[in-house]
C-alpha atoms as a PDB file:
ATOM      1  CA  UNK A   1     -22.872 -30.037  17.550  1.00  0.00           C
ATOM      2  CA  UNK A   2     -20.921 -29.012  14.468  1.00  0.00           C
ATOM      3  CA  UNK A   3     -18.034 -26.643  14.812  1.00  0.00           C
ATOM      4  CA  UNK A   4     -17.729 -23.649  12.562  1.00  0.00           C
ATOM      5  CA  UNK A   5     -14.767 -23.659  10.252  1.00  0.00           C
ATOM      6  CA  UNK A   6     -12.372 -20.766  10.325  1.00  0.00           C
ATOM      7  CA  UNK A   7     -12.359 -18.327   7.495  1.00  0.00           C
ATOM      8  CA  UNK A   8      -9.523 -19.004   5.037  1.00  0.00           C
ATOM      9  CA  UNK A   9      -8.033 -15.572   5.714  1.00  0.00           C
ATOM     10  CA  UNK A  10      -7.885 -16.233   9.471  1.00  0.00           C
ATOM     11  CA  UNK A  11      -6.334 -19.634   8.893  1.00  0.00           C
ATOM     12  CA  UNK A  12      -3.683 -18.202   6.551  1.00  0.00           C
ATOM     13  CA  UNK A  13      -2.867 -15.458   9.076  1.00  0.00           C
ATOM     14  CA  UNK A  14      -2.505 -17.970  11.911  1.00  0.00           C
ATOM     15  CA  UNK A  15      -0.249 -20.276   9.892  1.00  0.00           C
ATOM     16  CA  UNK A  16       1.922 -17.326   8.843  1.00  0.00           C
ATOM     17  CA  UNK A  17       2.085 -16.095  12.430  1.00  0.00           C
ATOM     18  CA  UNK A  18       3.399 -19.440  13.648  1.00  0.00           C
ATOM     19  CA  UNK A  19       6.057 -19.584  10.930  1.00  0.00           C
ATOM     20  CA  UNK A  20       7.140 -16.020  11.683  1.00  0.00           C
ATOM     21  CA  UNK A  21       7.204 -16.604  15.422  1.00  0.00           C
ATOM     22  CA  UNK A  22       9.435 -19.641  14.899  1.00  0.00           C
ATOM     23  CA  UNK A  23      11.884 -17.417  13.021  1.00  0.00           C
ATOM     24  CA  UNK A  24      11.512 -19.173   9.706  1.00  0.00           C
ATOM     25  CA  UNK A  25      11.729 -17.510   6.296  1.00  0.00           C
ATOM     26  CA  UNK A  26       8.807 -15.752   4.655  1.00  0.00           C
ATOM     27  CA  UNK A  27       9.692 -17.510   1.407  1.00  0.00           C
ATOM     28  CA  UNK A  28       7.934 -20.562   2.894  1.00  0.00           C
ATOM     29  CA  UNK A  29       4.546 -19.040   2.085  1.00  0.00           C
ATOM     30  CA  UNK A  30       2.473 -21.828   0.506  1.00  0.00           C
ATOM     31  CA  UNK A  31      -0.246 -19.585  -0.966  1.00  0.00           C
ATOM     32  CA  UNK A  32      -0.461 -18.430  -4.532  1.00  0.00           C
ATOM     33  CA  UNK A  33      -3.675 -16.407  -4.474  1.00  0.00           C
ATOM     34  CA  UNK A  34      -3.110 -12.761  -3.737  1.00  0.00           C
ATOM     35  CA  UNK A  35      -5.457 -12.428  -0.720  1.00  0.00           C
ATOM     36  CA  UNK A  36      -4.296 -15.594   1.038  1.00  0.00           C
ATOM     37  CA  UNK A  37      -0.660 -14.652   0.469  1.00  0.00           C
ATOM     38  CA  UNK A  38      -1.323 -11.151   1.817  1.00  0.00           C
ATOM     39  CA  UNK A  39      -2.957 -12.569   4.979  1.00  0.00           C
ATOM     40  CA  UNK A  40      -0.174 -15.134   5.465  1.00  0.00           C
ATOM     41  CA  UNK A  41       2.533 -12.464   5.137  1.00  0.00           C
ATOM     42  CA  UNK A  42       0.721 -10.176   7.584  1.00  0.00           C
ATOM     43  CA  UNK A  43       0.655 -13.042  10.075  1.00  0.00           C
ATOM     44  CA  UNK A  44       4.319 -13.768   9.425  1.00  0.00           C
ATOM     45  CA  UNK A  45       5.237 -10.121  10.030  1.00  0.00           C
ATOM     46  CA  UNK A  46       3.277  -9.964  13.261  1.00  0.00           C
ATOM     47  CA  UNK A  47       4.811 -13.234  14.453  1.00  0.00           C
ATOM     48  CA  UNK A  48       8.325 -11.943  13.787  1.00  0.00           C
ATOM     49  CA  UNK A  49       7.561  -8.700  15.647  1.00  0.00           C
ATOM     50  CA  UNK A  50       6.226 -10.608  18.643  1.00  0.00           C
ATOM     51  CA  UNK A  51       9.296 -12.842  18.707  1.00  0.00           C
ATOM     52  CA  UNK A  52      11.611  -9.816  18.557  1.00  0.00           C
ATOM     53  CA  UNK A  53       9.626  -8.146  21.349  1.00  0.00           C
ATOM     54  CA  UNK A  54      10.214 -11.107  23.638  1.00  0.00           C
ATOM     55  CA  UNK A  55       6.819 -12.831  23.641  1.00  0.00           C
ATOM     56  CA  UNK A  56       6.927 -16.419  24.842  1.00  0.00           C
ATOM     57  CA  UNK A  57       5.106 -19.381  23.270  1.00  0.00           C
ATOM     58  CA  UNK A  58       2.085 -19.175  25.608  1.00  0.00           C
ATOM     59  CA  UNK A  59       1.560 -15.482  24.883  1.00  0.00           C
ATOM     60  CA  UNK A  60       1.559 -16.170  21.158  1.00  0.00           C
ATOM     61  CA  UNK A  61      -0.986 -18.996  21.532  1.00  0.00           C
ATOM     62  CA  UNK A  62      -3.231 -16.742  23.585  1.00  0.00           C
ATOM     63  CA  UNK A  63      -2.912 -13.946  21.051  1.00  0.00           C
ATOM     64  CA  UNK A  64      -3.981 -16.236  18.208  1.00  0.00           C
ATOM     65  CA  UNK A  65      -6.936 -17.610  20.157  1.00  0.00           C
ATOM     66  CA  UNK A  66      -8.215 -14.079  20.826  1.00  0.00           C
ATOM     67  CA  UNK A  67      -8.314 -13.172  17.139  1.00  0.00           C
END
């Protein structure tokens, strides 16, 4: 059975979340289109907030899988 691909916006958010959660810079955003960059930065922001609030790695993985 074929698996459905993720929407590009969800993928950009998830990649940004991981980078933010790892504490890396938002200047690492690889996207140039406005919508993908917006989604990536939103993910980055949420990842940074979760890291600052003390989430552990497993909580962040679970959060991304529930999106």
